[in-house]
Amino acid sequence: MRLLTLRTTGYALLLLLLLTGCGTKGPVQSLYAVPPEAPRNLQIHQQGTSFLLSWQAPAQNQDGSPAEDLGGFQIYRADYAAEDGCPTCREPQQLVANINLKNPAAVQQVKRRFYWHDRQLAVGSGYAYRVVPLTIGGRTGAAALSHQVCLTPPATPEQLQAVAQSGQVVLTWQAAERLPAEAKQVGYNLYRRPLDGSVSLVPVNPEPLKESSLTDRSLEPGRSYVYRVSTLVRIDEHLVESPLSDAIQITAATQ
């Protein structure tokens, strides 16, 4: 009887250690916790020879409950031949980003969208992506998938200039001389950031600018800003942006 009691006690201690993670601290999660749904509205935008991926976080878990313990995202990539390749024939397996939302440098968030750059891609090659949400405890949710071919980008606008006036800055630039043969001009994007702020991935203009000028009135007097501009074209069904121009710095007038 004593031997049976000792064995029972040993099993109970072992079970207690397993349930408590041997003293490891961390969030307590059920073994049967429901993982989150896939990220929403995954988009790929080409800028120069890089892709800017953007998406929205899942709002719900796969059982309809709120997704309240999102910890980050993993991004996987696979390349394929643009001419005769099949972008959906194999699931992207190369891990190219492991994003922890506690690290603000890992990803940029603008309102409800997350942005991540995949740089220095090869023109003419296709790239497929799989974006997977992670809970704080490291559980993976459903994946969002998208793919696109890296196309020849248009040339960058030239001679960006800025003039500070009372309560505004007037910006002008010259259009690029040549566009890719298959490209149709859409307009321009203008980017602005405070001199002491982080790079903005979202242009000042909500719609492409049709003219090669802009008067920016939404400035703080006496504060310095950095501007860059790009060309935007349409190639087949894709919007393709040029590399950004050289930066120009200006201080908003105080009167």
Foldseek 3Di string as FASTA:
>chain_A
DVVVVVVVVVVVVVVVCVQCVVVDDDDDDDPPDFAAAAWADWDWAAEAQKIKIKTFGGQAGPVRHGQDFWFWKWKFKDKFQPPPTDLPPDDGDHTDATTGPVDCVRWPDDVRMIIDMDDDHDARMKMKMWMWIAGRVGDTYHIDIDMDGRHHAFAFWADWDWDADAQKIKIFTHDDPDGPPQKAFQAKFKFKDFPPDDGDPHGPDPGHHHHRMDIGRPDDAFTKMKMWMWTWIDHPNHIHIYHIDDIDMDGHHND
